[in-house]
Amino acid sequence: MRIRHWQDIASLLLGVWLVVSPFVLGVAGAATWVTIVLGLFVILFAVEGFVIPSYLEEWGELLLGLALLVAPWTVGYQSVSATVSSVASGILVILFAAWELMTDRDFATWWHDRWHHPVA
């Protein structure tokens, strides 16, 4: 197991925050479970980035970030602090995933091979 990107560590810590944040912020109801589940998936993808390094887990993290962004309105969070935490965490998850994609050599090679065609 080797850490290739600092963004995986940041995502792991963010996932831990998401799991504990409902208890720290005193959130109840569906917001608690949605936040915990999404946090566990963020942790899972971050750990997957350590164990099987590839650029594919970042796509999953991008989707998780989007889910965190829309969760307060689709689930109906009652707490302002839960909404702020979810939106801020979603933005950070998306930023970390996008940043890692932009700096990953495997993804850059894949992108170049697929989208950069020589001009005839």
PDB file of N, CA and C in Angstrom:
ATOM      1  N   MET A   1       0.858  -1.180   0.000  1.00  0.00           N
ATOM      2  CA  MET A   1       0.000   0.000   0.000  1.00  0.00           C
ATOM      3  C   MET A   1       0.898   1.236   0.000  1.00  0.00           C
ATOM      4  N   ARG A   2       0.688   2.094  -0.996  1.00  0.00           N
ATOM      5  CA  ARG A   2       1.519   3.284  -1.151  1.00  0.00           C
ATOM      6  C   ARG A   2       0.628   4.481  -1.425  1.00  0.00           C
ATOM      7  N   ILE A   3       0.912   5.582  -0.773  1.00  0.00           N
ATOM      8  CA  ILE A   3       0.129   6.799  -0.985  1.00  0.00           C
ATOM      9  C   ILE A   3       0.741   7.544  -2.161  1.00  0.00           C
ATOM     10  N   ARG A   4      -0.062   7.678  -3.234  1.00  0.00           N
ATOM     11  CA  ARG A   4       0.418   8.363  -4.432  1.00  0.00           C
ATOM     12  C   ARG A   4      -0.031   9.816  -4.469  1.00  0.00           C
ATOM     13  N   HIS A   5      -1.153  10.113  -3.834  1.00  0.00           N
ATOM     14  CA  HIS A   5      -1.718  11.462  -3.908  1.00  0.00           C
ATOM     15  C   HIS A   5      -2.153  11.918  -2.511  1.00  0.00           C
ATOM     16  N   TRP A   6      -1.769  13.131  -2.152  1.00  0.00           N
ATOM     17  CA  TRP A   6      -2.173  13.672  -0.855  1.00  0.00           C
ATOM     18  C   TRP A   6      -3.693  13.853  -0.796  1.00  0.00           C
ATOM     19  N   GLN A   7      -4.337  13.986  -1.947  1.00  0.00           N
ATOM     20  CA  GLN A   7      -5.786  14.180  -1.977  1.00  0.00           C
ATOM     21  C   GLN A   7      -6.521  12.974  -1.405  1.00  0.00           C
ATOM     22  N   ASP A   8      -5.932  11.775  -1.526  1.00  0.00           N
ATOM     23  CA  ASP A   8      -6.557  10.589  -0.941  1.00  0.00           C
ATOM     24  C   ASP A   8      -6.580  10.690   0.584  1.00  0.00           C
ATOM     25  N   ILE A   9      -5.504  11.203   1.167  1.00  0.00           N
ATOM     26  CA  ILE A   9      -5.464  11.393   2.624  1.00  0.00           C
ATOM     27  C   ILE A   9      -6.494  12.440   3.030  1.00  0.00           C
ATOM     28  N   ALA A  10      -6.561  13.531   2.278  1.00  0.00           N
ATOM     29  CA  ALA A  10      -7.536  14.585   2.578  1.00  0.00           C
ATOM     30  C   ALA A  10      -8.961  14.042   2.469  1.00  0.00           C
ATOM     31  N   SER A  11      -9.223  13.230   1.452  1.00  0.00           N
ATOM     32  CA  SER A  11     -10.554  12.644   1.293  1.00  0.00           C
ATOM     33  C   SER A  11     -10.865  11.688   2.442  1.00  0.00           C
ATOM     34  N   LEU A  12      -9.877  10.919   2.856  1.00  0.00           N
ATOM     35  CA  LEU A  12     -10.066  10.013   3.987  1.00  0.00           C
ATOM     36  C   LEU A  12     -10.460  10.792   5.244  1.00  0.00           C
ATOM     37  N   LEU A  13      -9.734  11.857   5.525  1.00  0.00           N
ATOM     38  CA  LEU A  13     -10.050  12.688   6.696  1.00  0.00           C
ATOM     39  C   LEU A  13     -11.428  13.332   6.566  1.00  0.00           C
ATOM     40  N   LEU A  14     -11.772  13.750   5.372  1.00  0.00           N
ATOM     41  CA  LEU A  14     -13.090  14.331   5.128  1.00  0.00           C
ATOM     42  C   LEU A  14     -14.187  13.285   5.345  1.00  0.00           C
ATOM     43  N   GLY A  15     -13.942  12.062   4.903  1.00  0.00           N
ATOM     44  CA  GLY A  15     -14.895  10.977   5.135  1.00  0.00           C
ATOM     45  C   GLY A  15     -15.093  10.710   6.619  1.00  0.00           C
ATOM     46  N   VAL A  16     -13.991  10.730   7.383  1.00  0.00           N
ATOM     47  CA  VAL A  16     -14.093  10.554   8.836  1.00  0.00           C
ATOM     48  C   VAL A  16     -14.926  11.690   9.432  1.00  0.00           C
ATOM     49  N   TRP A  17     -14.692  12.926   8.984  1.00  0.00           N
ATOM     50  CA  TRP A  17     -15.499  14.050   9.454  1.00  0.00           C
ATOM     51  C   TRP A  17     -16.982  13.801   9.179  1.00  0.00           C
ATOM     52  N   LEU A  18     -17.291  13.350   7.971  1.00  0.00           N
ATOM     53  CA  LEU A  18     -18.693  13.124   7.613  1.00  0.00           C
ATOM     54  C   LEU A  18     -19.337  12.072   8.516  1.00  0.00           C
ATOM     55  N   VAL A  19     -18.588  11.043   8.882  1.00  0.00           N
ATOM     56  CA  VAL A  19     -19.124   9.989   9.747  1.00  0.00           C
ATOM     57  C   VAL A  19     -19.384  10.511  11.161  1.00  0.00           C
ATOM     58  N   VAL A  20     -18.501  11.344  11.677  1.00  0.00           N
ATOM     59  CA  VAL A  20     -18.668  11.826  13.054  1.00  0.00           C
ATOM     60  C   VAL A  20     -19.448  13.133  13.143  1.00  0.00           C
ATOM     61  N   SER A  21     -19.576  13.864  12.045  1.00  0.00           N
ATOM     62  CA  SER A  21     -20.191  15.196  12.087  1.00  0.00           C
ATOM     63  C   SER A  21     -21.627  15.218  12.605  1.00  0.00           C
ATOM     64  N   PRO A  22     -22.476  14.232  12.307  1.00  0.00           N
ATOM     65  CA  PRO A  22     -23.832  14.303  12.867  1.00  0.00           C
ATOM     66  C   PRO A  22     -23.840  14.318  14.398  1.00  0.00           C
ATOM     67  N   PHE A  23     -22.879  13.629  15.002  1.00  0.00           N
ATOM     68  CA  PHE A  23     -22.809  13.578  16.460  1.00  0.00           C
ATOM     69  C   PHE A  23     -22.179  14.849  17.018  1.00  0.00           C
ATOM     70  N   VAL A  24     -21.186  15.375  16.323  1.00  0.00           N
ATOM     71  CA  VAL A  24     -20.533  16.625  16.744  1.00  0.00           C
ATOM     72  C   VAL A  24     -21.497  17.796  16.613  1.00  0.00           C
ATOM     73  N   LEU A  25     -22.258  17.815  15.517  1.00  0.00           N
ATOM     74  CA  LEU A  25     -23.165  18.932  15.235  1.00  0.00           C
ATOM     75  C   LEU A  25     -24.553  18.752  15.845  1.00  0.00           C
ATOM     76  N   GLY A  26     -24.821  17.591  16.435  1.00  0.00           N
ATOM     77  CA  GLY A  26     -26.123  17.343  17.037  1.00  0.00           C
ATOM     78  C   GLY A  26     -27.243  17.194  16.026  1.00  0.00           C
ATOM     79  N   VAL A  27     -26.940  16.555  14.903  1.00  0.00           N
ATOM     80  CA  VAL A  27     -27.920  16.379  13.831  1.00  0.00           C
ATOM     81  C   VAL A  27     -28.732  15.114  14.101  1.00  0.00           C
ATOM     82  N   ALA A  28     -30.016  15.153  13.748  1.00  0.00           N
ATOM     83  CA  ALA A  28     -30.880  13.994  13.941  1.00  0.00           C
ATOM     84  C   ALA A  28     -31.621  13.691  12.644  1.00  0.00           C
ATOM     85  N   GLY A  29     -32.255  12.537  12.620  1.00  0.00           N
ATOM     86  CA  GLY A  29     -33.109  12.181  11.489  1.00  0.00           C
ATOM     87  C   GLY A  29     -32.343  11.635  10.306  1.00  0.00           C
ATOM     88  N   ALA A  30     -32.958  11.769   9.140  1.00  0.00           N
ATOM     89  CA  ALA A  30     -32.399  11.219   7.901  1.00  0.00           C
ATOM     90  C   ALA A  30     -31.037  11.826   7.577  1.00  0.00           C
ATOM     91  N   ALA A  31     -30.823  13.081   7.928  1.00  0.00           N
ATOM     92  CA  ALA A  31     -29.537  13.732   7.656  1.00  0.00           C
ATOM     93  C   ALA A  31     -28.391  12.959   8.295  1.00  0.00           C
ATOM     94  N   THR A  32     -28.629  12.394   9.474  1.00  0.00           N
ATOM     95  CA  THR A  32     -27.592  11.627  10.158  1.00  0.00           C
ATOM     96  C   THR A  32     -27.163  10.437   9.319  1.00  0.00           C
ATOM     97  N   TRP A  33     -28.141   9.646   8.888  1.00  0.00           N
ATOM     98  CA  TRP A  33     -27.828   8.417   8.154  1.00  0.00           C
ATOM     99  C   TRP A  33     -27.275   8.698   6.768  1.00  0.00           C
ATOM    100  N   VAL A  34     -27.798   9.678   6.099  1.00  0.00           N
ATOM    101  CA  VAL A  34     -27.294  10.013   4.761  1.00  0.00           C
ATOM    102  C   VAL A  34     -25.843  10.470   4.863  1.00  0.00           C
ATOM    103  N   THR A  35     -25.554  11.317   5.834  1.00  0.00           N
ATOM    104  CA  THR A  35     -24.191  11.828   6.010  1.00  0.00           C
ATOM    105  C   THR A  35     -23.230  10.702   6.377  1.00  0.00           C
ATOM    106  N   ILE A  36     -23.632   9.817   7.271  1.00  0.00           N
ATOM    107  CA  ILE A  36     -22.770   8.703   7.667  1.00  0.00           C
ATOM    108  C   ILE A  36     -22.499   7.780   6.483  1.00  0.00           C
ATOM    109  N   VAL A  37     -23.534   7.416   5.740  1.00  0.00           N
ATOM    110  CA  VAL A  37     -23.355   6.512   4.600  1.00  0.00           C
ATOM    111  C   VAL A  37     -22.459   7.142   3.532  1.00  0.00           C
ATOM    112  N   LEU A  38     -22.719   8.396   3.192  1.00  0.00           N
ATOM    113  CA  LEU A  38     -21.876   9.063   2.199  1.00  0.00           C
ATOM    114  C   LEU A  38     -20.437   9.183   2.703  1.00  0.00           C
ATOM    115  N   GLY A  39     -20.271   9.460   3.994  1.00  0.00           N
ATOM    116  CA  GLY A  39     -18.933   9.531   4.583  1.00  0.00           C
ATOM    117  C   GLY A  39     -18.204   8.199   4.509  1.00  0.00           C
ATOM    118  N   LEU A  40     -18.922   7.101   4.780  1.00  0.00           N
ATOM    119  CA  LEU A  40     -18.308   5.778   4.681  1.00  0.00           C
ATOM    120  C   LEU A  40     -17.868   5.473   3.251  1.00  0.00           C
ATOM    121  N   PHE A  41     -18.669   5.903   2.271  1.00  0.00           N
ATOM    122  CA  PHE A  41     -18.271   5.702   0.881  1.00  0.00           C
ATOM    123  C   PHE A  41     -17.070   6.569   0.510  1.00  0.00           C
ATOM    124  N   VAL A  42     -16.998   7.772   1.032  1.00  0.00           N
ATOM    125  CA  VAL A  42     -15.814   8.610   0.783  1.00  0.00           C
ATOM    126  C   VAL A  42     -14.574   7.925   1.360  1.00  0.00           C
ATOM    127  N   ILE A  43     -14.695   7.379   2.570  1.00  0.00           N
ATOM    128  CA  ILE A  43     -13.585   6.640   3.188  1.00  0.00           C
ATOM    129  C   ILE A  43     -13.211   5.439   2.320  1.00  0.00           C
ATOM    130  N   LEU A  44     -14.208   4.687   1.879  1.00  0.00           N
ATOM    131  CA  LEU A  44     -13.962   3.503   1.052  1.00  0.00           C
ATOM    132  C   LEU A  44     -13.197   3.841  -0.229  1.00  0.00           C
ATOM    133  N   PHE A  45     -13.628   4.895  -0.922  1.00  0.00           N
ATOM    134  CA  PHE A  45     -12.938   5.294  -2.151  1.00  0.00           C
ATOM    135  C   PHE A  45     -11.532   5.802  -1.866  1.00  0.00           C
ATOM    136  N   ALA A  46     -11.346   6.513  -0.753  1.00  0.00           N
ATOM    137  CA  ALA A  46     -10.007   7.002  -0.403  1.00  0.00           C
ATOM    138  C   ALA A  46      -9.069   5.835  -0.110  1.00  0.00           C
ATOM    139  N   VAL A  47      -9.545   4.864   0.653  1.00  0.00           N
ATOM    140  CA  VAL A  47      -8.725   3.682   0.962  1.00  0.00           C
ATOM    141  C   VAL A  47      -8.447   2.896  -0.314  1.00  0.00           C
ATOM    142  N   GLU A  48      -9.425   2.803  -1.181  1.00  0.00           N
ATOM    143  CA  GLU A  48      -9.226   2.126  -2.467  1.00  0.00           C
ATOM    144  C   GLU A  48      -8.119   2.811  -3.256  1.00  0.00           C
ATOM    145  N   GLY A  49      -8.017   4.122  -3.136  1.00  0.00           N
ATOM    146  CA  GLY A  49      -6.947   4.868  -3.785  1.00  0.00           C
ATOM    147  C   GLY A  49      -5.573   4.502  -3.251  1.00  0.00           C
ATOM    148  N   PHE A  50      -5.498   4.057  -1.979  1.00  0.00           N
ATOM    149  CA  PHE A  50      -4.224   3.607  -1.409  1.00  0.00           C
ATOM    150  C   PHE A  50      -3.898   2.187  -1.867  1.00  0.00           C
ATOM    151  N   VAL A  51      -4.912   1.318  -1.870  1.00  0.00           N
ATOM    152  CA  VAL A  51      -4.711  -0.108  -2.118  1.00  0.00           C
ATOM    153  C   VAL A  51      -4.562  -0.421  -3.604  1.00  0.00           C
ATOM    154  N   ILE A  52      -5.457   0.118  -4.422  1.00  0.00           N
ATOM    155  CA  ILE A  52      -5.437  -0.124  -5.865  1.00  0.00           C
ATOM    156  C   ILE A  52      -5.422   1.237  -6.551  1.00  0.00           C
ATOM    157  N   PRO A  53      -4.256   1.862  -6.608  1.00  0.00           N
ATOM    158  CA  PRO A  53      -4.205   3.207  -7.178  1.00  0.00           C
ATOM    159  C   PRO A  53      -4.598   3.229  -8.657  1.00  0.00           C
ATOM    160  N   SER A  54      -5.616   3.963  -8.940  1.00  0.00           N
ATOM    161  CA  SER A  54      -6.032   4.229 -10.315  1.00  0.00           C
ATOM    162  C   SER A  54      -6.835   5.510 -10.282  1.00  0.00           C
ATOM    163  N   TYR A  55      -7.161   6.014 -11.436  1.00  0.00           N
ATOM    164  CA  TYR A  55      -7.929   7.249 -11.482  1.00  0.00           C
ATOM    165  C   TYR A  55      -9.426   6.990 -11.410  1.00  0.00           C
ATOM    166  N   LEU A  56      -9.845   5.743 -11.396  1.00  0.00           N
ATOM    167  CA  LEU A  56     -11.272   5.434 -11.454  1.00  0.00           C
ATOM    168  C   LEU A  56     -12.030   5.808 -10.184  1.00  0.00           C
ATOM    169  N   GLU A  57     -11.385   5.698  -9.020  1.00  0.00           N
ATOM    170  CA  GLU A  57     -12.108   6.027  -7.784  1.00  0.00           C
ATOM    171  C   GLU A  57     -12.471   7.505  -7.706  1.00  0.00           C
ATOM    172  N   GLU A  58     -11.717   8.352  -8.415  1.00  0.00           N
ATOM    173  CA  GLU A  58     -12.039   9.781  -8.403  1.00  0.00           C
ATOM    174  C   GLU A  58     -13.403  10.046  -9.037  1.00  0.00           C
ATOM    175  N   TRP A  59     -13.776   9.254 -10.036  1.00  0.00           N
ATOM    176  CA  TRP A  59     -15.105   9.426 -10.643  1.00  0.00           C
ATOM    177  C   TRP A  59     -16.190   9.108  -9.627  1.00  0.00           C
ATOM    178  N   GLY A  60     -15.959   8.084  -8.811  1.00  0.00           N
ATOM    179  CA  GLY A  60     -16.908   7.775  -7.735  1.00  0.00           C
ATOM    180  C   GLY A  60     -16.957   8.881  -6.712  1.00  0.00           C
ATOM    181  N   GLU A  61     -15.800   9.459  -6.389  1.00  0.00           N
ATOM    182  CA  GLU A  61     -15.765  10.567  -5.436  1.00  0.00           C
ATOM    183  C   GLU A  61     -16.480  11.802  -5.994  1.00  0.00           C
ATOM    184  N   LEU A  62     -16.350  12.038  -7.293  1.00  0.00           N
ATOM    185  CA  LEU A  62     -17.083  13.156  -7.898  1.00  0.00           C
ATOM    186  C   LEU A  62     -18.589  12.974  -7.705  1.00  0.00           C
ATOM    187  N   LEU A  63     -19.069  11.758  -7.909  1.00  0.00           N
ATOM    188  CA  LEU A  63     -20.502  11.481  -7.704  1.00  0.00           C
ATOM    189  C   LEU A  63     -20.905  11.625  -6.243  1.00  0.00           C
ATOM    190  N   LEU A  64     -20.041  11.171  -5.339  1.00  0.00           N
ATOM    191  CA  LEU A  64     -20.325  11.334  -3.905  1.00  0.00           C
ATOM    192  C   LEU A  64     -20.363  12.817  -3.530  1.00  0.00           C
ATOM    193  N   GLY A  65     -19.456  13.599  -4.094  1.00  0.00           N
ATOM    194  CA  GLY A  65     -19.462  15.042  -3.839  1.00  0.00           C
ATOM    195  C   GLY A  65     -20.752  15.686  -4.309  1.00  0.00           C
ATOM    196  N   LEU A  66     -21.214  15.279  -5.491  1.00  0.00           N
ATOM    197  CA  LEU A  66     -22.499  15.798  -5.982  1.00  0.00           C
ATOM    198  C   LEU A  66     -23.642  15.379  -5.074  1.00  0.00           C
ATOM    199  N   ALA A  67     -23.608  14.141  -4.598  1.00  0.00           N
ATOM    200  CA  ALA A  67     -24.652  13.669  -3.671  1.00  0.00           C
ATOM    201  C   ALA A  67     -24.646  14.490  -2.383  1.00  0.00           C
ATOM    202  N   LEU A  68     -23.450  14.809  -1.879  1.00  0.00           N
ATOM    203  CA  LEU A  68     -23.358  15.644  -0.678  1.00  0.00           C
ATOM    204  C   LEU A  68     -23.899  17.048  -0.928  1.00  0.00           C
ATOM    205  N   LEU A  69     -23.689  17.561  -2.147  1.00  0.00           N
ATOM    206  CA  LEU A  69     -24.189  18.898  -2.482  1.00  0.00           C
ATOM    207  C   LEU A  69     -25.718  18.959  -2.508  1.00  0.00           C
ATOM    208  N   VAL A  70     -26.352  17.931  -3.039  1.00  0.00           N
ATOM    209  CA  VAL A  70     -27.816  17.973  -3.198  1.00  0.00           C
ATOM    210  C   VAL A  70     -28.569  17.350  -2.037  1.00  0.00           C
ATOM    211  N   ALA A  71     -27.896  16.575  -1.196  1.00  0.00           N
ATOM    212  CA  ALA A  71     -28.565  15.879  -0.092  1.00  0.00           C
ATOM    213  C   ALA A  71     -29.392  16.784   0.820  1.00  0.00           C
ATOM    214  N   PRO A  72     -28.897  17.952   1.200  1.00  0.00           N
ATOM    215  CA  PRO A  72     -29.708  18.773   2.120  1.00  0.00           C
ATOM    216  C   PRO A  72     -31.093  19.114   1.563  1.00  0.00           C
ATOM    217  N   TRP A  73     -31.199  19.246   0.254  1.00  0.00           N
ATOM    218  CA  TRP A  73     -32.489  19.639  -0.332  1.00  0.00           C
ATOM    219  C   TRP A  73     -33.314  18.433  -0.762  1.00  0.00           C
ATOM    220  N   THR A  74     -32.657  17.347  -1.155  1.00  0.00           N
ATOM    221  CA  THR A  74     -33.415  16.162  -1.556  1.00  0.00           C
ATOM    222  C   THR A  74     -33.913  15.376  -0.341  1.00  0.00           C
ATOM    223  N   VAL A  75     -33.125  15.390   0.728  1.00  0.00           N
ATOM    224  CA  VAL A  75     -33.516  14.676   1.948  1.00  0.00           C
ATOM    225  C   VAL A  75     -34.282  15.594   2.888  1.00  0.00           C
ATOM    226  N   GLY A  76     -34.014  16.884   2.812  1.00  0.00           N
ATOM    227  CA  GLY A  76     -34.693  17.851   3.665  1.00  0.00           C
ATOM    228  C   GLY A  76     -34.035  18.001   5.027  1.00  0.00           C
ATOM    229  N   TYR A  77     -32.762  18.370   5.022  1.00  0.00           N
ATOM    230  CA  TYR A  77     -32.051  18.589   6.285  1.00  0.00           C
ATOM    231  C   TYR A  77     -32.732  19.714   7.060  1.00  0.00           C
ATOM    232  N   GLN A  78     -32.945  19.494   8.339  1.00  0.00           N
ATOM    233  CA  GLN A  78     -33.563  20.502   9.194  1.00  0.00           C
ATOM    234  C   GLN A  78     -32.540  21.448   9.805  1.00  0.00           C
ATOM    235  N   SER A  79     -31.317  20.992   9.897  1.00  0.00           N
ATOM    236  CA  SER A  79     -30.261  21.743  10.569  1.00  0.00           C
ATOM    237  C   SER A  79     -29.427  22.542   9.563  1.00  0.00           C
ATOM    238  N   VAL A  80     -29.217  23.817   9.877  1.00  0.00           N
ATOM    239  CA  VAL A  80     -28.357  24.655   9.040  1.00  0.00           C
ATOM    240  C   VAL A  80     -26.920  24.150   9.089  1.00  0.00           C
ATOM    241  N   SER A  81     -26.468  23.730  10.263  1.00  0.00           N
ATOM    242  CA  SER A  81     -25.085  23.245  10.376  1.00  0.00           C
ATOM    243  C   SER A  81     -24.877  21.966   9.560  1.00  0.00           C
ATOM    244  N   ALA A  82     -25.878  21.087   9.505  1.00  0.00           N
ATOM    245  CA  ALA A  82     -25.776  19.874   8.682  1.00  0.00           C
ATOM    246  C   ALA A  82     -25.732  20.237   7.208  1.00  0.00           C
ATOM    247  N   THR A  83     -26.523  21.231   6.812  1.00  0.00           N
ATOM    248  CA  THR A  83     -26.538  21.675   5.417  1.00  0.00           C
ATOM    249  C   THR A  83     -25.187  22.267   5.032  1.00  0.00           C
ATOM    250  N   VAL A  84     -24.657  23.145   5.866  1.00  0.00           N
ATOM    251  CA  VAL A  84     -23.354  23.771   5.588  1.00  0.00           C
ATOM    252  C   VAL A  84     -22.258  22.714   5.529  1.00  0.00           C
ATOM    253  N   SER A  85     -22.269  21.778   6.471  1.00  0.00           N
ATOM    254  CA  SER A  85     -21.261  20.720   6.490  1.00  0.00           C
ATOM    255  C   SER A  85     -21.346  19.858   5.237  1.00  0.00           C
ATOM    256  N   SER A  86     -22.543  19.498   4.843  1.00  0.00           N
ATOM    257  CA  SER A  86     -22.728  18.654   3.660  1.00  0.00           C
ATOM    258  C   SER A  86     -22.280  19.371   2.390  1.00  0.00           C
ATOM    259  N   VAL A  87     -22.684  20.612   2.232  1.00  0.00           N
ATOM    260  CA  VAL A  87     -22.322  21.371   1.024  1.00  0.00           C
ATOM    261  C   VAL A  87     -20.814  21.624   0.988  1.00  0.00           C
ATOM    262  N   ALA A  88     -20.237  22.058   2.096  1.00  0.00           N
ATOM    263  CA  ALA A  88     -18.792  22.311   2.138  1.00  0.00           C
ATOM    264  C   ALA A  88     -18.012  21.020   1.887  1.00  0.00           C
ATOM    265  N   SER A  89     -18.450  19.931   2.496  1.00  0.00           N
ATOM    266  CA  SER A  89     -17.779  18.646   2.286  1.00  0.00           C
ATOM    267  C   SER A  89     -17.921  18.188   0.841  1.00  0.00           C
ATOM    268  N   GLY A  90     -19.093  18.381   0.264  1.00  0.00           N
ATOM    269  CA  GLY A  90     -19.306  18.010  -1.138  1.00  0.00           C
ATOM    270  C   GLY A  90     -18.385  18.771  -2.067  1.00  0.00           C
ATOM    271  N   ILE A  91     -18.255  20.065  -1.822  1.00  0.00           N
ATOM    272  CA  ILE A  91     -17.358  20.890  -2.649  1.00  0.00           C
ATOM    273  C   ILE A  91     -15.917  20.404  -2.511  1.00  0.00           C
ATOM    274  N   LEU A  92     -15.492  20.118  -1.278  1.00  0.00           N
ATOM    275  CA  LEU A  92     -14.119  19.655  -1.058  1.00  0.00           C
ATOM    276  C   LEU A  92     -13.873  18.290  -1.699  1.00  0.00           C
ATOM    277  N   VAL A  93     -14.840  17.367  -1.576  1.00  0.00           N
ATOM    278  CA  VAL A  93     -14.687  16.052  -2.197  1.00  0.00           C
ATOM    279  C   VAL A  93     -14.532  16.212  -3.710  1.00  0.00           C
ATOM    280  N   ILE A  94     -15.345  17.057  -4.308  1.00  0.00           N
ATOM    281  CA  ILE A  94     -15.255  17.298  -5.753  1.00  0.00           C
ATOM    282  C   ILE A  94     -13.912  17.931  -6.115  1.00  0.00           C
ATOM    283  N   LEU A  95     -13.486  18.929  -5.349  1.00  0.00           N
ATOM    284  CA  LEU A  95     -12.199  19.589  -5.628  1.00  0.00           C
ATOM    285  C   LEU A  95     -11.027  18.624  -5.502  1.00  0.00           C
ATOM    286  N   PHE A  96     -11.010  17.812  -4.435  1.00  0.00           N
ATOM    287  CA  PHE A  96      -9.915  16.852  -4.258  1.00  0.00           C
ATOM    288  C   PHE A  96      -9.889  15.838  -5.396  1.00  0.00           C
ATOM    289  N   ALA A  97     -11.059  15.328  -5.783  1.00  0.00           N
ATOM    290  CA  ALA A  97     -11.123  14.337  -6.862  1.00  0.00           C
ATOM    291  C   ALA A  97     -10.679  14.947  -8.191  1.00  0.00           C
ATOM    292  N   ALA A  98     -11.172  16.144  -8.492  1.00  0.00           N
ATOM    293  CA  ALA A  98     -10.801  16.803  -9.751  1.00  0.00           C
ATOM    294  C   ALA A  98      -9.308  17.119  -9.766  1.00  0.00           C
ATOM    295  N   TRP A  99      -8.784  17.613  -8.643  1.00  0.00           N
ATOM    296  CA  TRP A  99      -7.362  17.934  -8.543  1.00  0.00           C
ATOM    297  C   TRP A  99      -6.518  16.683  -8.766  1.00  0.00           C
ATOM    298  N   GLU A 100      -6.931  15.577  -8.141  1.00  0.00           N
ATOM    299  CA  GLU A 100      -6.182  14.341  -8.313  1.00  0.00           C
ATOM    300  C   GLU A 100      -6.239  13.864  -9.765  1.00  0.00           C
ATOM    301  N   LEU A 101      -7.406  13.970 -10.394  1.00  0.00           N
ATOM    302  CA  LEU A 101      -7.507  13.585 -11.802  1.00  0.00           C
ATOM    303  C   LEU A 101      -6.568  14.408 -12.671  1.00  0.00           C
ATOM    304  N   MET A 102      -6.493  15.703 -12.397  1.00  0.00           N
ATOM    305  CA  MET A 102      -5.660  16.590 -13.220  1.00  0.00           C
ATOM    306  C   MET A 102      -4.169  16.342 -13.019  1.00  0.00           C
ATOM    307  N   THR A 103      -3.782  15.748 -11.888  1.00  0.00           N
ATOM    308  CA  THR A 103      -2.364  15.527 -11.604  1.00  0.00           C
ATOM    309  C   THR A 103      -1.958  14.057 -11.706  1.00  0.00           C
ATOM    310  N   ASP A 104      -2.877  13.178 -12.058  1.00  0.00           N
ATOM    311  CA  ASP A 104      -2.589  11.754 -12.157  1.00  0.00           C
ATOM    312  C   ASP A 104      -2.029  11.423 -13.546  1.00  0.00           C
ATOM    313  N   ARG A 105      -0.851  10.830 -13.587  1.00  0.00           N
ATOM    314  CA  ARG A 105      -0.211  10.508 -14.869  1.00  0.00           C
ATOM    315  C   ARG A 105      -1.020   9.500 -15.681  1.00  0.00           C
ATOM    316  N   ASP A 106      -1.589   8.490 -15.019  1.00  0.00           N
ATOM    317  CA  ASP A 106      -2.369   7.483 -15.740  1.00  0.00           C
ATOM    318  C   ASP A 106      -3.585   8.120 -16.413  1.00  0.00           C
ATOM    319  N   PHE A 107      -4.260   9.007 -15.689  1.00  0.00           N
ATOM    320  CA  PHE A 107      -5.427   9.666 -16.270  1.00  0.00           C
ATOM    321  C   PHE A 107      -5.003  10.600 -17.403  1.00  0.00           C
ATOM    322  N   ALA A 108      -3.910  11.323 -17.208  1.00  0.00           N
ATOM    323  CA  ALA A 108      -3.441  12.244 -18.246  1.00  0.00           C
ATOM    324  C   ALA A 108      -3.096  11.472 -19.520  1.00  0.00           C
ATOM    325  N   THR A 109      -2.477  10.314 -19.366  1.00  0.00           N
ATOM    326  CA  THR A 109      -2.161   9.484 -20.531  1.00  0.00           C
ATOM    327  C   THR A 109      -3.434   9.007 -21.208  1.00  0.00           C
ATOM    328  N   TRP A 110      -4.375   8.514 -20.423  1.00  0.00           N
ATOM    329  CA  TRP A 110      -5.650   8.055 -20.971  1.00  0.00           C
ATOM    330  C   TRP A 110      -6.363   9.190 -21.709  1.00  0.00           C
ATOM    331  N   TRP A 111      -6.426  10.347 -21.082  1.00  0.00           N
ATOM    332  CA  TRP A 111      -7.101  11.507 -21.676  1.00  0.00           C
ATOM    333  C   TRP A 111      -6.435  11.895 -22.995  1.00  0.00           C
ATOM    334  N   HIS A 112      -5.114  11.970 -22.971  1.00  0.00           N
ATOM    335  CA  HIS A 112      -4.376  12.353 -24.174  1.00  0.00           C
ATOM    336  C   HIS A 112      -4.612  11.349 -25.300  1.00  0.00           C
ATOM    337  N   ASP A 113      -4.551  10.058 -24.974  1.00  0.00           N
ATOM    338  CA  ASP A 113      -4.746   9.020 -25.995  1.00  0.00           C
ATOM    339  C   ASP A 113      -6.148   9.054 -26.594  1.00  0.00           C
ATOM    340  N   ARG A 114      -7.143   9.444 -25.814  1.00  0.00           N
ATOM    341  CA  ARG A 114      -8.534   9.428 -26.282  1.00  0.00           C
ATOM    342  C   ARG A 114      -8.952  10.706 -27.004  1.00  0.00           C
ATOM    343  N   TRP A 115      -8.396  11.839 -26.602  1.00  0.00           N
ATOM    344  CA  TRP A 115      -8.942  13.114 -27.064  1.00  0.00           C
ATOM    345  C   TRP A 115      -8.001  13.960 -27.894  1.00  0.00           C
ATOM    346  N   HIS A 116      -6.758  13.622 -27.956  1.00  0.00           N
ATOM    347  CA  HIS A 116      -5.816  14.421 -28.743  1.00  0.00           C
ATOM    348  C   HIS A 116      -5.416  13.655 -29.995  1.00  0.00           C
ATOM    349  N   HIS A 117      -6.071  13.974 -31.055  1.00  0.00           N
ATOM    350  CA  HIS A 117      -5.781  13.332 -32.323  1.00  0.00           C
ATOM    351  C   HIS A 117      -4.876  14.233 -33.155  1.00  0.00           C
ATOM    352  N   PRO A 118      -3.928  13.650 -33.846  1.00  0.00           N
ATOM    353  CA  PRO A 118      -3.067  14.485 -34.697  1.00  0.00           C
ATOM    354  C   PRO A 118      -3.866  15.123 -35.828  1.00  0.00           C
ATOM    355  N   VAL A 119      -3.503  16.325 -36.151  1.00  0.00           N
ATOM    356  CA  VAL A 119      -4.165  17.048 -37.241  1.00  0.00           C
ATOM    357  C   VAL A 119      -3.566  16.549 -38.551  1.00  0.00           C
ATOM    358  N   ALA A 120      -4.440  16.196 -39.479  1.00  0.00           N
ATOM    359  CA  ALA A 120      -3.968  15.654 -40.757  1.00  0.00           C
ATOM    360  C   ALA A 120      -3.540  16.723 -41.715  1.00  0.00           C
TER     361      ALA A 120
END
